[in-house]
Amino acid sequence: MKLLIIGGGIGGYVCAIRAAQLGAQVTLAERRRIGGTCLNEGCIPTKALLESAQLLDALKHASNVGIHLSGEATPDFPRMQAHKQEVVDQLVRGVGLLLEKGKVDILHKDVKLINAQTVKIDAEEHSFDAVVLACGSEPVVLPLPGMELEGVIDSTQALDLREIPESLAIIGGGVIGTEFASLFQSLGTKVSVIEMMDRIVPPMDPDISEMLSMVLAARGIAIHTGAKVLGVEAGEQLSVLFEKGGQPMRVEAEKVLVATGRRPVTDVLSEAKVSVAMEGKFVKVDGFMRTNIEGLYAIGDITGKSMLAHTAEEMGIRAAEHIMEKRIRPIDYRKIPACLYSQPEAASCGLTQPQAIEMGISVDVGIFPLFNNARTLIAGQGDNTFVKILSEKDSGELLGVHIFGPYATEMIAEAALALELECTVQELIDTIHPHPTVSEGLKEGAASIKGAAIHSL
């Protein structure tokens, strides 16, 4: 099997490694840098900077737990950026070694699809038995006045800033926007968030959105929801013009970060002689990652199924296994965990309460406040944090798990496994959780559905 994968992000390189493990002759084409957006200018560099910022926050409050510093904890932003790049470079090298070990041929060239088995590389046509589109996504450019002004940046440019801005206006209150808000506020920047929807991080459960908004506001971040951005104007500073409740408003800032989502990269199809089925701007695939063209697969952000790195990774594995005629089962996209690396962290898996209600499911809801959890109090994050569990009323089957608190992004894997195994609330209650850990909140949240939570008033 001669396989070409177009795109070397997490979906593409994982697909390449898995296909090579199964005996395919694999070529991986990446016109930029192996690792794609996630590794080079997305998940990894963002989390590296957030880790530094959260450590800075901890040091600022160290006296609360009996640690006194000889001087004030201050950010060394160039060193933070250097550490971020060291992490990225090490991981990129590691991926390169994995591909080398798997005998995957890496092609640093632009590739255009001609048909399902043929591509154009440097004006020459090359044939393969199967092709996988793993082209990823890029930041959305808003069609508004002022987007071209100096100081208006996207998430990629925000990660490469050389100096900490004194003030920052963020257009978009989704995951990207709120993570950058948390990051720069920790570094001393005056931050404003302008979100079109009626709440920030709208895909998450409303209780997480509400509590996160309260916590960020308490940290001094100005949050404007239900706001329609009209454009950006230049002046002594940049001004973001928006309308809220029919009233014109503005926020002034040194920098304006546009964090309004991402769009698929589909220019690989610009010379295609086949008609690839699309769903809006995204390539349409079935449960096995197949497009409507025999031998042509698509994975990751280009499909629009779930624009998360771990989704792309899993799609890559399953595409490789289907191509190599291994038995696979389709992904249940409702059971994919989502993480927000704010301070505190947030994580969700499964249905939100509004989704369950919209589907006509009768639900039981259990909420356990984490100020009753020993490990959360030790971490100094007891205020406003919680675990929320949703279950189907009659069967008791788990439907969704939502966590707002320390280590949420680590704990959500347990919830993902429980949902994958179709566990019931009682099975989660019966699972013995170690003490003292924040994960005890999952057991208590489930028990609260039955009125059996031990550490809840």
Protein backbone atom coordinates (compact mmCIF):
# COMPACT_ATOMS: atom_id res chain seq x y z
CA MET A 1 0.00 0.00 0.00
CA LYS A 2 1.48 3.31 -1.15
CA LEU A 3 -0.01 6.09 0.93
CA LEU A 4 0.32 9.89 0.78
CA ILE A 5 -0.71 12.07 3.71
CA ILE A 6 -0.98 15.79 2.99
CA GLY A 7 -0.30 17.71 6.19
CA GLY A 8 2.16 16.96 8.98
CA GLY A 9 0.18 18.16 11.99
CA ILE A 10 -0.83 15.87 14.82
CA GLY A 11 -3.48 14.15 12.70
CA GLY A 12 -1.18 13.68 9.72
CA TYR A 13 1.96 12.49 11.47
CA VAL A 14 0.01 10.11 13.74
CA CYS A 15 -1.77 8.70 10.69
CA ALA A 16 1.62 8.25 8.99
CA ILE A 17 3.15 6.42 11.95
CA ARG A 18 0.14 4.12 12.40
CA ALA A 19 -0.03 3.30 8.69
CA ALA A 20 3.71 2.54 8.66
CA GLN A 21 3.27 0.25 11.68
CA LEU A 22 0.69 -1.66 9.65
CA GLY A 23 3.05 -2.06 6.70
CA ALA A 24 2.19 0.83 4.39
CA GLN A 25 4.78 2.71 2.35
CA VAL A 26 4.06 6.21 3.60
CA THR A 27 4.94 9.66 2.30
CA LEU A 28 4.10 12.63 4.51
CA ALA A 29 3.92 16.02 2.78
CA GLU A 30 4.23 19.14 4.95
CA ARG A 31 5.03 22.49 3.35
CA ARG A 32 5.95 24.16 6.64
CA ARG A 33 7.12 22.47 9.83
CA ILE A 34 6.34 18.97 11.06
CA GLY A 35 3.91 19.14 13.96
CA GLY A 36 1.53 21.57 12.31
CA THR A 37 -0.45 24.22 14.13
CA CYS A 38 -0.87 22.37 17.44
CA LEU A 39 2.79 21.74 18.03
CA ASN A 40 4.29 24.89 16.52
CA GLU A 41 1.78 27.70 16.99
CA GLY A 42 -1.20 26.37 18.92
CA CYS A 43 -1.73 23.95 21.78
CA ILE A 44 1.87 23.39 22.89
CA PRO A 45 3.34 26.92 22.84
CA THR A 46 0.16 28.34 24.38
CA LYS A 47 0.23 25.84 27.22
CA ALA A 48 3.94 26.40 27.78
CA LEU A 49 3.33 30.12 28.28
CA LEU A 50 0.27 29.45 30.43
CA GLU A 51 2.31 27.14 32.65
CA SER A 52 4.82 29.95 33.24
CA ALA A 53 2.00 32.43 33.92
CA GLN A 54 0.30 30.09 36.39
CA LEU A 55 3.59 29.55 38.23
CA LEU A 56 3.96 33.32 38.43
CA ASP A 57 0.46 33.56 39.94
CA ALA A 58 1.35 30.89 42.48
CA LEU A 59 4.51 32.73 43.48
CA LYS A 60 2.60 35.98 43.89
CA HIS A 61 0.37 34.24 46.44
CA ALA A 62 3.09 32.09 48.00
CA SER A 63 2.88 33.97 51.31
CA ASN A 64 -0.62 32.52 51.78
CA VAL A 65 0.95 29.10 52.30
CA GLY A 66 3.98 30.25 54.26
CA ILE A 67 6.50 30.86 51.47
CA HIS A 68 8.16 34.28 51.47
CA LEU A 69 10.21 35.53 48.54
CA SER A 70 13.18 37.85 48.93
CA GLY A 71 11.79 40.00 46.13
CA GLU A 72 8.69 40.39 43.99
CA ALA A 73 7.95 37.63 41.47
CA THR A 74 8.08 39.22 38.03
CA PRO A 75 7.86 37.78 34.51
CA ASP A 76 10.95 37.52 32.32
CA PHE A 77 9.04 37.41 29.05
CA PRO A 78 12.01 36.75 26.74
CA ARG A 79 12.96 33.77 28.91
CA MET A 80 9.34 32.57 28.91
CA GLN A 81 9.36 32.73 25.12
CA ALA A 82 12.68 30.92 24.98
CA HIS A 83 11.37 28.14 27.24
CA LYS A 84 8.28 27.85 25.06
CA GLN A 85 10.43 27.44 21.97
CA GLU A 86 12.68 24.89 23.67
CA VAL A 87 9.65 22.75 24.43
CA VAL A 88 8.34 23.08 20.87
CA ASP A 89 11.71 22.28 19.32
CA GLN A 90 12.20 19.21 21.49
CA LEU A 91 8.79 17.84 20.57
CA VAL A 92 9.30 18.55 16.87
CA ARG A 93 12.60 16.68 16.99
CA GLY A 94 10.86 13.82 18.78
CA VAL A 95 8.19 13.57 16.10
CA GLY A 96 10.90 13.61 13.43
CA LEU A 97 12.64 10.68 15.13
CA LEU A 98 9.38 8.74 15.31
CA LEU A 99 8.76 9.28 11.60
CA GLU A 100 12.33 8.28 10.81
CA LYS A 101 11.97 5.12 12.89
CA GLY A 102 8.76 4.32 11.01
CA LYS A 103 10.57 4.83 7.68
CA VAL A 104 8.09 7.54 6.68
CA ASP A 105 9.32 9.67 3.77
CA ILE A 106 8.94 13.38 4.56
CA LEU A 107 8.31 15.75 1.69
CA HIS A 108 8.63 19.49 2.37
CA LYS A 109 6.75 20.65 -0.70
CA ASP A 110 3.42 22.10 -1.73
CA VAL A 111 1.04 19.40 -3.00
CA LYS A 112 -2.13 19.76 -5.07
CA LEU A 113 -4.73 17.03 -5.42
CA ILE A 114 -5.62 15.99 -8.98
CA ASN A 115 -7.82 13.01 -8.15
CA ALA A 116 -8.10 10.38 -5.42
CA GLN A 117 -4.82 8.69 -6.34
CA THR A 118 -2.92 11.46 -8.13
CA VAL A 119 -1.27 14.63 -6.88
CA LYS A 120 0.88 17.33 -8.42
CA ILE A 121 4.29 17.98 -6.83
CA ASP A 122 6.57 20.56 -8.49
CA ALA A 123 4.49 20.40 -11.69
CA GLU A 124 4.89 16.61 -11.87
CA GLU A 125 2.11 14.13 -11.24
CA HIS A 126 2.62 11.27 -8.78
CA SER A 127 0.27 8.37 -8.03
CA PHE A 128 -0.60 6.66 -4.75
CA ASP A 129 -2.99 3.91 -3.69
CA ALA A 130 -4.68 6.24 -1.21
CA VAL A 131 -4.44 9.88 -0.15
CA VAL A 132 -5.29 11.40 3.23
CA LEU A 133 -6.09 15.11 3.52
CA ALA A 134 -4.78 16.37 6.87
CA CYS A 135 -4.34 20.01 5.92
CA GLY A 136 -5.53 21.54 9.19
CA SER A 137 -6.90 25.03 9.72
CA GLU A 138 -5.87 28.67 10.00
CA PRO A 139 -7.17 31.72 11.91
CA VAL A 140 -10.31 33.36 10.56
CA VAL A 141 -9.76 36.86 9.14
CA LEU A 142 -12.74 39.06 9.98
CA PRO A 143 -14.11 41.13 7.08
CA LEU A 144 -14.19 44.29 9.20
CA PRO A 145 -12.54 47.70 8.92
CA GLY A 146 -9.15 48.00 10.61
CA MET A 147 -8.12 44.35 10.55
CA GLU A 148 -5.00 45.35 8.60
CA LEU A 149 -3.81 47.88 11.19
CA GLU A 150 -0.47 47.44 12.91
CA GLY A 151 -1.07 45.94 16.33
CA VAL A 152 -4.07 43.85 15.24
CA ILE A 153 -2.79 40.30 15.63
CA ASP A 154 -3.96 36.70 15.47
CA SER A 155 -3.16 33.89 17.90
CA THR A 156 0.01 32.90 16.02
CA GLN A 157 1.39 36.42 16.24
CA ALA A 158 0.36 36.69 19.90
CA LEU A 159 2.58 33.71 20.70
CA ASP A 160 5.58 35.48 19.17
CA LEU A 161 5.25 38.85 20.93
CA ARG A 162 8.60 40.10 22.20
CA GLU A 163 7.15 42.33 24.91
CA ILE A 164 4.19 42.10 27.24
CA PRO A 165 1.54 44.61 26.07
CA GLU A 166 0.25 47.07 28.64
CA SER A 167 -3.28 46.50 27.39
CA LEU A 168 -4.93 43.93 25.15
CA ALA A 169 -8.41 43.75 23.64
CA ILE A 170 -9.43 40.24 22.59
CA ILE A 171 -12.14 39.81 19.97
CA GLY A 172 -13.67 36.42 20.70
CA GLY A 173 -14.38 34.79 24.04
CA GLY A 174 -13.99 31.16 23.03
CA VAL A 175 -11.29 28.80 24.24
CA ILE A 176 -8.47 30.62 22.42
CA GLY A 177 -9.61 34.05 23.58
CA THR A 178 -10.11 33.11 27.23
CA GLU A 179 -6.79 31.28 27.45
CA PHE A 180 -4.94 34.32 26.13
CA ALA A 181 -6.96 36.53 28.49
CA SER A 182 -5.90 34.42 31.44
CA LEU A 183 -2.29 34.34 30.24
CA PHE A 184 -1.78 38.07 29.72
CA GLN A 185 -3.72 39.11 32.81
CA SER A 186 -1.30 36.99 34.85
CA LEU A 187 1.57 38.85 33.20
CA GLY A 188 0.14 42.24 34.22
CA THR A 189 -1.69 43.23 31.04
CA LYS A 190 -5.02 45.07 31.25
CA VAL A 191 -7.30 42.72 29.32
CA SER A 192 -10.76 43.12 27.75
CA VAL A 193 -12.71 40.33 26.04
CA ILE A 194 -15.42 41.11 23.47
CA GLU A 195 -17.69 38.16 22.64
CA MET A 196 -20.63 38.10 20.21
CA MET A 197 -22.55 35.34 22.03
CA ASP A 198 -24.34 35.88 25.32
CA ARG A 199 -21.62 34.03 27.26
CA ILE A 200 -17.95 33.17 26.93
CA VAL A 201 -16.80 29.65 25.89
CA PRO A 202 -20.32 28.94 24.53
CA PRO A 203 -19.64 25.28 23.60
CA MET A 204 -19.09 24.43 27.28
CA ASP A 205 -21.82 23.87 29.84
CA PRO A 206 -23.44 27.19 30.86
CA ASP A 207 -22.45 26.70 34.51
CA ILE A 208 -18.78 26.63 33.50
CA SER A 209 -19.25 29.70 31.30
CA GLU A 210 -20.93 31.61 34.11
CA MET A 211 -18.38 30.69 36.77
CA LEU A 212 -15.39 31.29 34.49
CA SER A 213 -16.77 34.70 33.59
CA MET A 214 -17.10 35.56 37.29
CA VAL A 215 -13.57 34.39 38.07
CA LEU A 216 -12.00 36.25 35.15
CA ALA A 217 -13.91 39.40 36.03
CA ALA A 218 -12.71 39.11 39.64
CA ARG A 219 -9.16 39.00 38.29
CA GLY A 220 -9.77 42.33 36.57
CA ILE A 221 -10.57 41.16 33.05
CA ALA A 222 -13.36 43.21 31.44
CA ILE A 223 -15.81 40.90 29.68
CA HIS A 224 -18.35 42.20 27.16
CA THR A 225 -20.79 39.53 25.95
CA GLY A 226 -23.60 39.99 23.43
CA ALA A 227 -21.29 42.42 21.66
CA LYS A 228 -21.19 42.90 17.88
CA VAL A 229 -17.75 44.11 16.76
CA LEU A 230 -17.91 46.81 14.08
CA GLY A 231 -14.21 47.35 13.43
CA VAL A 232 -10.92 48.68 14.77
CA GLU A 233 -9.70 52.27 14.54
CA ALA A 234 -6.19 53.67 14.91
CA GLY A 235 -5.39 56.53 17.25
CA GLU A 236 -3.15 57.07 20.22
CA GLN A 237 -4.08 53.45 20.87
CA LEU A 238 -6.17 50.99 18.91
CA SER A 239 -9.92 51.18 19.52
CA VAL A 240 -12.27 48.24 19.09
CA LEU A 241 -15.70 49.54 18.16
CA PHE A 242 -18.67 47.38 19.04
CA GLU A 243 -22.38 47.52 19.68
CA LYS A 244 -24.01 46.07 22.79
CA GLY A 245 -27.71 46.28 23.56
CA GLY A 246 -28.11 48.76 20.73
CA GLN A 247 -25.54 51.10 22.26
CA PRO A 248 -22.21 51.96 20.57
CA MET A 249 -19.17 51.16 22.74
CA ARG A 250 -15.39 51.05 22.41
CA VAL A 251 -12.40 49.51 24.13
CA GLU A 252 -8.93 50.99 23.73
CA ALA A 253 -5.81 48.85 23.87
CA GLU A 254 -2.20 48.68 22.77
CA LYS A 255 -2.83 45.40 20.92
CA VAL A 256 -5.97 43.78 19.52
CA LEU A 257 -6.04 39.98 19.35
CA VAL A 258 -8.54 38.49 16.91
CA ALA A 259 -9.51 35.07 18.31
CA THR A 260 -12.76 34.36 16.49
CA GLY A 261 -12.12 30.80 15.42
CA ARG A 262 -10.41 28.94 12.61
CA ARG A 263 -11.22 27.91 9.06
CA PRO A 264 -10.10 24.81 7.13
CA VAL A 265 -7.13 24.97 4.77
CA THR A 266 -8.48 23.61 1.48
CA ASP A 267 -6.22 25.11 -1.19
CA VAL A 268 -4.90 21.58 -1.78
CA LEU A 269 -8.17 21.05 -3.73
CA SER A 270 -7.74 24.07 -6.01
CA GLU A 271 -6.61 21.99 -9.01
CA ALA A 272 -8.67 18.87 -8.32
CA LYS A 273 -10.36 17.21 -11.30
CA VAL A 274 -12.79 15.44 -8.98
CA SER A 275 -15.65 16.96 -7.02
CA VAL A 276 -15.02 16.38 -3.34
CA ALA A 277 -18.23 16.56 -1.29
CA MET A 278 -18.26 19.46 1.17
CA GLU A 279 -20.32 20.45 4.20
CA GLY A 280 -20.11 24.20 4.03
CA LYS A 281 -16.38 24.99 4.03
CA PHE A 282 -15.40 21.55 5.35
CA VAL A 283 -14.63 18.27 3.59
CA LYS A 284 -17.41 15.76 4.23
CA VAL A 285 -16.37 12.35 5.60
CA ASP A 286 -18.14 9.23 6.84
CA GLY A 287 -17.47 7.32 10.04
CA PHE A 288 -14.33 5.78 8.52
CA MET A 289 -12.85 9.14 7.41
CA ARG A 290 -13.68 8.43 3.75
CA THR A 291 -14.72 11.22 1.42
CA ASN A 292 -17.14 10.63 -1.43
CA ILE A 293 -14.14 9.80 -3.67
CA GLU A 294 -12.88 6.21 -3.43
CA GLY A 295 -9.36 6.13 -1.98
CA LEU A 296 -9.49 9.72 -0.67
CA TYR A 297 -9.70 10.26 3.09
CA ALA A 298 -9.78 13.39 5.24
CA ILE A 299 -9.01 13.90 8.92
CA GLY A 300 -8.75 16.66 11.50
CA ASP A 301 -9.77 20.31 11.22
CA ILE A 302 -10.40 20.15 7.48
CA THR A 303 -13.47 17.98 8.25
CA GLY A 304 -14.90 20.38 10.85
CA LYS A 305 -16.02 17.43 12.98
CA SER A 306 -14.27 18.55 16.13
CA MET A 307 -11.42 21.03 15.77
CA LEU A 308 -9.30 19.59 18.56
CA ALA A 309 -5.81 18.10 18.32
CA HIS A 310 -6.76 14.84 20.04
CA THR A 311 -9.70 14.44 17.65
CA ALA A 312 -7.37 14.80 14.67
CA GLU A 313 -5.01 12.26 16.23
CA GLU A 314 -7.76 9.69 16.70
CA MET A 315 -9.14 10.32 13.22
CA GLY A 316 -5.63 9.76 11.85
CA ILE A 317 -5.30 6.42 13.61
CA ARG A 318 -8.68 5.23 12.43
CA ALA A 319 -8.10 6.39 8.85
CA ALA A 320 -4.80 4.48 8.75
CA GLU A 321 -6.42 1.36 10.14
CA HIS A 322 -9.32 1.51 7.69
CA ILE A 323 -6.95 2.00 4.75
CA MET A 324 -4.97 -1.03 5.94
CA GLU A 325 -8.23 -3.00 6.26
CA LYS A 326 -8.30 -3.21 10.02
CA ARG A 327 -11.66 -3.34 11.75
CA ILE A 328 -12.55 -0.04 13.36
CA ARG A 329 -15.68 1.55 14.80
CA PRO A 330 -16.74 5.11 14.15
CA ILE A 331 -15.87 7.90 16.59
CA ASP A 332 -18.64 9.16 18.84
CA TYR A 333 -17.84 12.87 18.68
CA ARG A 334 -20.09 13.60 21.67
CA LYS A 335 -17.66 11.70 23.90
CA ILE A 336 -14.54 13.68 22.99
CA PRO A 337 -13.20 15.67 25.96
CA ALA A 338 -12.63 19.42 25.64
CA CYS A 339 -10.15 21.30 27.82
CA LEU A 340 -9.65 24.94 28.75
CA TYR A 341 -6.30 25.83 30.33
CA SER A 342 -7.49 28.91 32.15
CA GLN A 343 -6.91 29.52 35.84
CA PRO A 344 -8.74 27.54 37.23
CA GLU A 345 -8.92 24.95 34.48
CA ALA A 346 -12.13 23.74 32.88
CA ALA A 347 -12.91 20.49 31.09
CA SER A 348 -16.01 18.82 29.66
CA CYS A 349 -16.97 15.52 28.10
CA GLY A 350 -20.32 14.33 26.84
CA LEU A 351 -23.54 16.30 26.66
CA THR A 352 -24.11 19.68 28.26
CA GLN A 353 -27.38 20.23 30.11
CA PRO A 354 -28.92 22.35 27.31
CA GLN A 355 -27.93 19.73 24.71
CA ALA A 356 -29.56 16.94 26.69
CA ILE A 357 -32.74 18.97 27.15
CA GLU A 358 -32.82 19.86 23.44
CA MET A 359 -32.55 16.13 22.61
CA GLY A 360 -35.57 15.45 24.80
CA ILE A 361 -33.61 13.43 27.36
CA SER A 362 -34.81 13.44 30.96
CA VAL A 363 -31.72 14.19 33.02
CA ASP A 364 -30.62 14.13 36.62
CA VAL A 365 -27.99 16.69 37.60
CA GLY A 366 -25.47 16.43 40.39
CA ILE A 367 -23.21 19.32 41.40
CA PHE A 368 -20.45 19.04 43.97
CA PRO A 369 -18.78 22.31 45.07
CA LEU A 370 -15.05 21.77 45.29
CA PHE A 371 -14.62 24.01 48.33
CA ASN A 372 -15.61 20.79 50.16
CA ASN A 373 -12.65 18.95 48.59
CA ALA A 374 -9.41 18.75 50.58
CA ARG A 375 -7.00 18.78 47.63
CA THR A 376 -8.74 21.78 46.06
CA LEU A 377 -8.41 23.74 49.30
CA ILE A 378 -4.74 22.75 49.54
CA ALA A 379 -4.28 24.13 46.02
CA GLY A 380 -6.01 27.35 47.07
CA GLN A 381 -8.71 27.02 44.40
CA GLY A 382 -11.79 26.17 46.42
CA ASP A 383 -13.76 29.30 45.56
CA ASN A 384 -16.32 28.98 42.75
CA THR A 385 -15.03 25.59 41.53
CA PHE A 386 -17.23 22.53 41.05
CA VAL A 387 -17.94 19.20 39.36
CA LYS A 388 -21.21 18.73 37.48
CA ILE A 389 -22.52 15.30 36.48
CA LEU A 390 -25.41 14.59 34.11
CA SER A 391 -27.16 11.22 33.90
CA GLU A 392 -30.21 9.78 32.16
CA LYS A 393 -33.04 9.76 34.68
CA ASP A 394 -34.36 6.23 34.17
CA SER A 395 -31.22 4.20 33.36
CA GLY A 396 -28.71 6.22 35.37
CA GLU A 397 -26.29 6.17 32.41
CA LEU A 398 -23.74 8.98 32.45
CA LEU A 399 -24.41 11.64 29.83
CA GLY A 400 -21.89 14.38 30.60
CA VAL A 401 -19.18 15.43 33.02
CA HIS A 402 -18.14 19.07 33.49
CA ILE A 403 -15.31 20.21 35.76
CA PHE A 404 -14.21 23.69 36.76
CA GLY A 405 -11.26 23.51 39.09
CA PRO A 406 -7.62 22.51 39.54
CA TYR A 407 -6.34 19.59 37.42
CA ALA A 408 -9.62 19.49 35.47
CA THR A 409 -7.77 18.83 32.22
CA GLU A 410 -6.14 15.74 33.72
CA MET A 411 -9.28 14.40 35.44
CA ILE A 412 -11.50 14.58 32.37
CA ALA A 413 -9.86 11.43 30.94
CA GLU A 414 -11.63 9.38 33.61
CA ALA A 415 -14.93 10.88 32.49
CA ALA A 416 -14.13 10.11 28.85
CA LEU A 417 -13.46 6.47 29.73
CA ALA A 418 -16.65 6.26 31.80
CA LEU A 419 -18.70 7.65 28.93
CA GLU A 420 -17.00 5.36 26.41
CA LEU A 421 -17.87 2.36 28.59
CA GLU A 422 -21.43 3.64 29.08
CA CYS A 423 -21.03 3.66 32.83
CA THR A 424 -23.87 4.46 35.17
CA VAL A 425 -23.87 6.94 38.01
CA GLN A 426 -23.82 4.05 40.47
CA GLU A 427 -20.70 2.58 38.86
CA LEU A 428 -18.93 5.93 39.20
CA ILE A 429 -20.04 6.11 42.84
CA ASP A 430 -18.78 2.56 43.43
CA THR A 431 -15.36 3.38 41.96
CA ILE A 432 -12.96 4.04 44.83
CA HIS A 433 -11.09 7.32 44.29
CA PRO A 434 -7.83 8.06 46.12
CA HIS A 435 -7.76 10.62 48.94
CA PRO A 436 -6.86 13.45 48.97
CA THR A 437 -7.40 14.14 45.27
CA VAL A 438 -9.62 16.49 43.30
CA SER A 439 -10.89 13.40 41.47
CA GLU A 440 -12.94 12.56 44.57
CA GLY A 441 -15.21 15.34 43.32
CA LEU A 442 -16.29 13.08 40.44
CA LYS A 443 -17.49 10.43 42.88
CA GLU A 444 -19.18 13.03 45.06
CA GLY A 445 -20.79 14.73 42.06
CA ALA A 446 -22.27 11.41 40.99
CA ALA A 447 -23.38 10.65 44.54
CA SER A 448 -25.12 14.02 44.79
CA ILE A 449 -27.53 12.87 42.08
CA LYS A 450 -28.74 10.23 44.52
CA GLY A 451 -28.56 12.51 47.54
CA ALA A 452 -25.63 10.44 48.81
CA ALA A 453 -22.69 12.89 48.60
CA ILE A 454 -20.76 12.61 51.86
CA HIS A 455 -18.93 15.94 51.91
CA SER A 456 -21.81 18.16 50.84
CA LEU A 457 -24.11 20.12 53.13
